[in-house]
Protein backbone atom coordinates (compact mmCIF):
# COMPACT_ATOMS: atom_id res chain seq x y z
CA MET A 1 -0.24 -0.04 -0.10
CA LYS A 2 0.93 3.61 -1.28
CA ILE A 3 0.14 6.85 0.73
CA PHE A 4 0.53 10.48 -1.36
CA ILE A 5 0.03 13.49 0.57
CA SER A 6 -0.45 16.94 -1.33
CA THR A 7 0.65 19.80 1.31
CA ASP A 8 -0.20 23.27 0.58
CA MET A 9 0.56 26.21 3.60
CA GLU A 10 -2.56 28.42 3.18
CA GLY A 11 -5.02 26.10 5.01
CA VAL A 12 -2.03 25.19 7.96
CA LEU A 13 -2.94 25.77 11.82
CA GLY A 14 -2.29 29.67 13.19
CA VAL A 15 -1.43 31.11 9.55
CA ALA A 16 -2.94 34.13 8.65
CA SER A 17 -1.55 35.48 5.49
CA TRP A 18 1.59 34.98 2.91
CA SER A 19 3.03 38.20 4.26
CA GLU A 20 3.39 36.16 7.66
CA MET A 21 4.62 33.10 5.90
CA SER A 22 7.15 34.88 4.14
CA LYS A 23 8.48 36.72 7.75
CA ASP A 24 8.40 33.49 9.85
CA PRO A 25 9.35 29.79 8.60
CA THR A 26 7.73 28.96 11.89
CA TYR A 27 4.80 27.76 9.97
CA ASN A 28 7.01 25.61 7.72
CA ARG A 29 7.69 23.49 11.32
CA TRP A 30 3.60 23.82 11.77
CA LEU A 31 2.73 21.79 8.69
CA ASN A 32 5.90 19.60 9.24
CA GLN A 33 3.88 18.89 12.87
CA GLU A 34 0.14 18.38 10.74
CA LEU A 35 2.13 16.05 9.09
CA SER A 36 3.90 14.20 12.31
CA TRP A 37 0.23 13.43 13.64
CA ILE A 38 -1.28 11.98 10.32
CA ILE A 39 2.01 9.62 10.17
CA ASP A 40 1.69 9.27 13.81
CA GLU A 41 -1.57 7.47 13.24
CA ILE A 42 -0.99 5.76 10.10
CA LYS A 43 1.71 3.95 12.45
CA LYS A 44 -0.79 2.96 15.03
CA SER A 45 -3.53 1.73 12.36
CA PRO A 46 -4.12 -2.08 11.54
CA ILE A 47 -2.95 -1.35 7.53
CA ASN A 48 0.67 0.18 8.83
CA SER A 49 1.93 -2.42 8.16
CA SER A 50 1.24 -2.82 4.59
CA VAL A 51 2.32 0.39 4.10
CA GLU A 52 5.45 0.99 2.15
CA GLU A 53 5.59 3.97 1.19
CA ILE A 54 4.17 7.66 2.42
CA THR A 55 5.10 10.50 -0.20
CA ILE A 56 4.85 13.81 0.64
CA CYS A 57 4.47 16.52 -1.94
CA ASP A 58 5.43 19.53 -0.61
CA SER A 59 3.56 21.89 -3.28
CA HIS A 60 3.59 25.17 -1.60
CA SER A 61 4.73 28.20 -3.81
CA ARG A 62 8.04 26.99 -5.25
CA GLY A 63 7.77 23.66 -3.23
CA GLU A 64 10.51 24.36 -1.14
CA ASN A 65 8.98 24.69 2.31
CA MET A 66 9.19 21.84 5.11
CA PRO A 67 12.44 20.46 6.38
CA TYR A 68 13.60 17.70 4.32
CA ALA A 69 13.92 14.46 6.62
CA GLU A 70 12.63 16.19 9.69
CA LEU A 71 9.77 12.65 10.23
CA SER A 72 11.73 9.92 11.12
CA ASP A 73 9.21 7.50 8.92
CA PRO A 74 12.03 5.90 6.88
CA ARG A 75 9.32 4.95 4.15
CA ILE A 76 8.81 8.89 3.42
CA THR A 77 9.78 9.83 0.10
CA TYR A 78 9.70 14.13 -0.87
CA ILE A 79 8.84 15.54 -3.92
CA ARG A 80 10.31 19.24 -3.76
CA GLY A 81 10.99 21.96 -5.74
CA TYR A 82 9.77 23.63 -8.94
CA PRO A 83 8.83 23.69 -11.71
CA ARG A 84 7.23 20.64 -12.49
CA PRO A 85 5.05 19.37 -14.89
CA PHE A 86 2.20 18.15 -12.63
CA TYR A 87 2.80 20.24 -9.81
CA MET A 88 0.63 19.69 -7.15
CA MET A 89 0.51 16.21 -8.14
CA GLN A 90 3.69 15.02 -9.26
CA GLY A 91 4.31 11.44 -8.78
CA LEU A 92 0.72 10.21 -8.22
CA ASP A 93 0.19 7.21 -9.98
CA ALA A 94 -1.33 4.10 -9.98
CA SER A 95 0.15 2.32 -7.61
CA TYR A 96 -1.15 4.45 -4.73
CA ASP A 97 -4.12 3.86 -2.56
CA ALA A 98 -4.97 6.49 -0.80
CA VAL A 99 -4.79 10.98 -1.40
CA PHE A 100 -4.76 13.55 1.70
CA LEU A 101 -4.97 17.56 1.04
CA ILE A 102 -3.24 18.90 3.91
CA GLY A 103 -3.15 22.27 4.43
CA TYR A 104 -5.82 23.40 1.13
CA HIS A 105 -7.90 26.67 1.25
CA THR A 106 -10.72 28.00 -1.11
CA ARG A 107 -11.68 28.30 -4.66
CA ILE A 108 -10.94 32.19 -5.81
CA GLY A 109 -13.54 34.82 -4.47
CA SER A 110 -14.92 32.40 -1.83
CA PHE A 111 -16.40 35.03 0.89
CA ARG A 112 -14.34 35.15 4.07
CA GLY A 113 -11.51 32.37 2.61
CA GLY A 114 -8.18 32.58 4.03
CA MET A 115 -6.22 33.71 0.94
CA ASP A 116 -8.82 32.00 -1.25
CA HIS A 117 -7.07 31.77 -4.90
CA SER A 118 -7.11 28.50 -7.62
CA TYR A 119 -3.89 27.94 -8.79
CA SER A 120 -2.66 31.34 -8.91
CA ALA A 121 -3.44 34.17 -6.63
CA SER A 122 -1.60 37.05 -9.25
CA CYS A 123 -3.43 35.84 -12.96
CA ILE A 124 -6.19 33.36 -12.38
CA TYR A 125 -9.40 35.01 -10.91
CA ASN A 126 -11.74 31.74 -12.57
CA ILE A 127 -11.18 28.15 -13.40
CA LYS A 128 -14.31 26.23 -14.62
CA LEU A 129 -14.23 22.71 -15.42
CA ASN A 130 -17.60 21.72 -18.07
CA GLY A 131 -19.18 25.16 -16.46
CA SER A 132 -18.34 24.91 -12.60
CA SER A 133 -16.19 26.82 -10.76
CA VAL A 134 -13.35 25.00 -8.89
CA GLY A 135 -10.22 25.85 -6.69
CA GLU A 136 -7.64 23.41 -6.00
CA MET A 137 -9.27 20.80 -4.28
CA GLU A 138 -11.17 20.38 -7.31
CA VAL A 139 -8.33 19.74 -10.22
CA ASN A 140 -6.56 17.55 -8.14
CA ALA A 141 -9.60 15.59 -6.84
CA PHE A 142 -10.41 14.67 -10.37
CA TYR A 143 -6.55 14.16 -11.48
CA SER A 144 -6.35 11.54 -8.64
CA GLY A 145 -9.80 9.96 -10.07
CA LEU A 146 -7.68 9.41 -13.48
CA TYR A 147 -6.02 6.98 -11.81
CA ASN A 148 -8.74 5.67 -9.49
CA VAL A 149 -7.15 7.00 -6.00
CA PRO A 150 -9.93 7.95 -3.88
CA VAL A 151 -9.33 11.57 -1.66
CA VAL A 152 -9.61 10.29 1.81
CA LEU A 153 -8.56 13.20 4.19
CA ILE A 154 -8.23 17.45 3.59
CA SER A 155 -7.70 20.28 5.97
CA GLY A 156 -8.05 23.42 5.90
CA ASP A 157 -10.68 26.40 6.91
CA ASP A 158 -14.10 26.30 7.89
CA VAL A 159 -14.90 27.61 4.39
CA PHE A 160 -13.35 25.40 3.22
CA GLU A 161 -15.09 22.94 4.57
CA THR A 162 -18.17 23.48 3.46
CA GLN A 163 -16.59 23.41 -0.28
CA VAL A 164 -15.18 19.92 0.07
CA LYS A 165 -18.28 18.54 1.86
CA GLN A 166 -20.44 19.75 -1.12
CA PHE A 167 -18.47 18.13 -3.64
CA TYR A 168 -17.71 15.37 -1.07
CA PHE A 169 -20.34 14.60 1.12
CA ASN A 170 -21.17 16.11 4.48
CA ASP A 171 -19.32 13.08 6.98
CA PHE A 172 -16.09 13.99 4.65
CA PRO A 173 -12.74 13.54 6.91
CA PHE A 174 -11.94 16.55 7.28
CA VAL A 175 -9.38 18.72 10.08
CA LYS A 176 -10.26 22.53 10.42
CA THR A 177 -7.59 23.93 11.22
CA LYS A 178 -9.21 28.11 11.67
CA MET A 179 -12.51 30.10 10.66
CA GLY A 180 -11.68 32.27 8.16
CA ILE A 181 -12.69 36.51 8.69
CA GLY A 182 -11.38 37.54 5.03
CA ARG A 183 -8.83 37.23 2.93
CA PHE A 184 -6.34 37.99 5.57
CA SER A 185 -7.38 37.69 9.06
CA ALA A 186 -9.01 34.00 10.76
CA LYS A 187 -10.05 32.84 14.11
CA MET A 188 -7.18 30.37 15.33
CA TYR A 189 -7.44 27.30 17.25
CA HIS A 190 -5.02 26.11 19.79
CA PRO A 191 -2.65 23.44 18.50
CA GLN A 192 -3.58 21.24 20.72
CA LEU A 193 -7.27 20.88 19.55
CA VAL A 194 -6.16 20.20 16.14
CA GLU A 195 -3.77 18.13 16.99
CA LYS A 196 -6.94 15.99 18.03
CA GLU A 197 -9.05 16.23 15.57
CA TYR A 198 -5.90 15.13 13.14
CA ARG A 199 -5.29 11.81 15.31
CA LYS A 200 -9.39 11.17 14.92
CA LYS A 201 -9.91 12.62 11.82
CA THR A 202 -6.76 10.35 9.84
CA GLN A 203 -7.98 7.64 12.58
CA PHE A 204 -11.60 7.54 10.53
CA ALA A 205 -10.18 8.11 7.46
CA LEU A 206 -7.59 5.30 7.43
CA LYS A 207 -10.75 2.62 9.31
CA LYS A 208 -13.12 3.96 5.98
CA LEU A 209 -10.23 3.31 3.35
CA GLN A 210 -10.59 -0.31 4.44
CA GLU A 211 -14.17 -0.78 3.33
CA LYS A 212 -15.22 -0.77 -0.17
CA ASN A 213 -16.41 2.02 -2.12
CA PHE A 214 -16.83 4.73 1.45
CA PHE A 215 -14.85 7.52 -0.40
CA PRO A 216 -16.00 8.41 -3.74
CA ILE A 217 -13.53 8.38 -6.58
CA LYS A 218 -13.93 12.11 -8.54
CA LYS A 219 -13.49 10.87 -12.43
CA PRO A 220 -13.00 13.13 -14.79
CA GLU A 221 -15.96 13.24 -17.53
CA PRO A 222 -14.82 11.74 -20.75
CA LYS A 223 -14.49 15.56 -22.19
CA THR A 224 -13.68 18.20 -20.24
CA VAL A 225 -13.98 21.94 -20.91
CA LEU A 226 -11.64 24.12 -18.89
CA GLU A 227 -12.78 28.07 -19.16
CA VAL A 228 -10.29 30.01 -17.18
CA ASP A 229 -10.48 34.14 -16.63
CA VAL A 230 -7.28 35.79 -15.89
CA VAL A 231 -7.14 38.75 -13.94
CA ASN A 232 -6.74 41.19 -17.09
CA THR A 233 -6.65 40.74 -21.07
CA VAL A 234 -3.19 41.89 -20.70
CA ILE A 235 -2.36 38.70 -18.87
CA ALA A 236 -5.06 36.65 -21.81
CA ASP A 237 -3.33 38.79 -24.85
CA ALA A 238 0.50 36.49 -23.58
CA LEU A 239 -1.68 33.88 -23.02
CA SER A 240 -3.74 33.75 -26.73
CA VAL A 241 -0.81 32.51 -27.74
CA VAL A 242 -0.68 28.72 -26.35
CA PRO A 243 -1.97 26.24 -29.39
CA GLY A 244 -4.72 25.29 -28.52
CA LEU A 245 -5.65 28.05 -25.89
CA GLU A 246 -8.94 29.37 -27.33
CA ARG A 247 -10.16 33.38 -26.28
CA ILE A 248 -13.90 33.90 -26.48
CA ASP A 249 -13.68 37.53 -24.13
CA GLY A 250 -11.18 39.84 -23.27
CA ARG A 251 -10.46 37.67 -20.14
CA THR A 252 -11.49 34.14 -20.34
CA LEU A 253 -9.81 31.58 -22.00
CA LYS A 254 -11.10 27.97 -23.30
CA TYR A 255 -9.30 24.42 -24.01
CA SER A 256 -11.14 21.42 -24.49
CA SER A 257 -9.87 17.69 -24.08
CA THR A 258 -10.92 14.02 -23.57
CA ASN A 259 -7.36 13.91 -21.68
CA TYR A 260 -7.94 15.23 -18.36
CA SER A 261 -3.93 14.84 -18.02
CA ASN A 262 -4.05 17.95 -21.04
CA ILE A 263 -6.63 19.55 -18.76
CA PHE A 264 -4.53 19.89 -15.63
CA GLN A 265 -1.15 21.14 -17.53
CA MET A 266 -3.45 23.31 -19.52
CA ILE A 267 -3.93 24.81 -16.05
CA LEU A 268 -0.80 24.62 -15.00
CA THR A 269 1.01 26.49 -18.37
CA ILE A 270 -1.78 29.51 -17.57
CA ALA A 271 -0.20 30.24 -14.11
CA MET A 272 3.47 29.96 -14.69
CA LEU A 273 2.91 32.20 -18.12
CA GLY A 274 0.33 34.00 -16.89
CA GLY A 275 2.12 34.76 -13.51
CA ARG A 276 5.26 36.75 -15.79
CA PHE A 277 2.26 39.52 -16.58
CA SER A 278 0.16 39.88 -13.75
CA ASP A 279 1.95 43.59 -13.30
CA TYR A 280 3.43 43.95 -17.11
CA TYR A 281 2.60 47.21 -18.14
């Protein structure tokens, strides 16, 4: 058995803003602490003896956030650095049995959602898949579904919890690390309370993982239509040179494919290239 953990930072306990994270490396340690609670519960679980690898995909910003190898379990492998072809889900394939999305956040435009964005805060305003607005959670869940791997645990703020449970189901295991007040403000829970929730929800997720069909696998449609609203028209001007990417409005770009990997990588292409023109004048 193999477990894949994709980590972001906006949903980590205690952190309220990107400015705070850039000034204080303590939050990298808190992410590592959250992961340590998960790893500890894996070790205690009945499936521990069958777990051969735990991949941690460091996926915030340039993927250089967590202190390397401070988690002592030798089964852990790290994916670090940037750029990489499949960014937040780099390394996932059909050999894995479960996905954890840790420290994630709300999609762009979410009321009270902490540091809300969808793959790029600088150049993307909205992402739609087949007409529905999505964030990183949904985009990555569909990528997991491409390999028939279920997402079994997610963490972040209370606004994000609502989005997760609307996408999955009401009892989906979610660790609430804080309550959103605004984009850069939140009511924070004490680490002891968050630890208790991580341990409880990890135990639940690992137990339910052994029950067939408890976790629905969110598979992409046979054909996916991607629409992305970028922040301004100059970003759209620049991105309109990408082959296959159709400009359908001043700030809206469209792309269709029967291969969801191509959809996933087009989102990354828009985020990487578009960001270079976010302050262009």
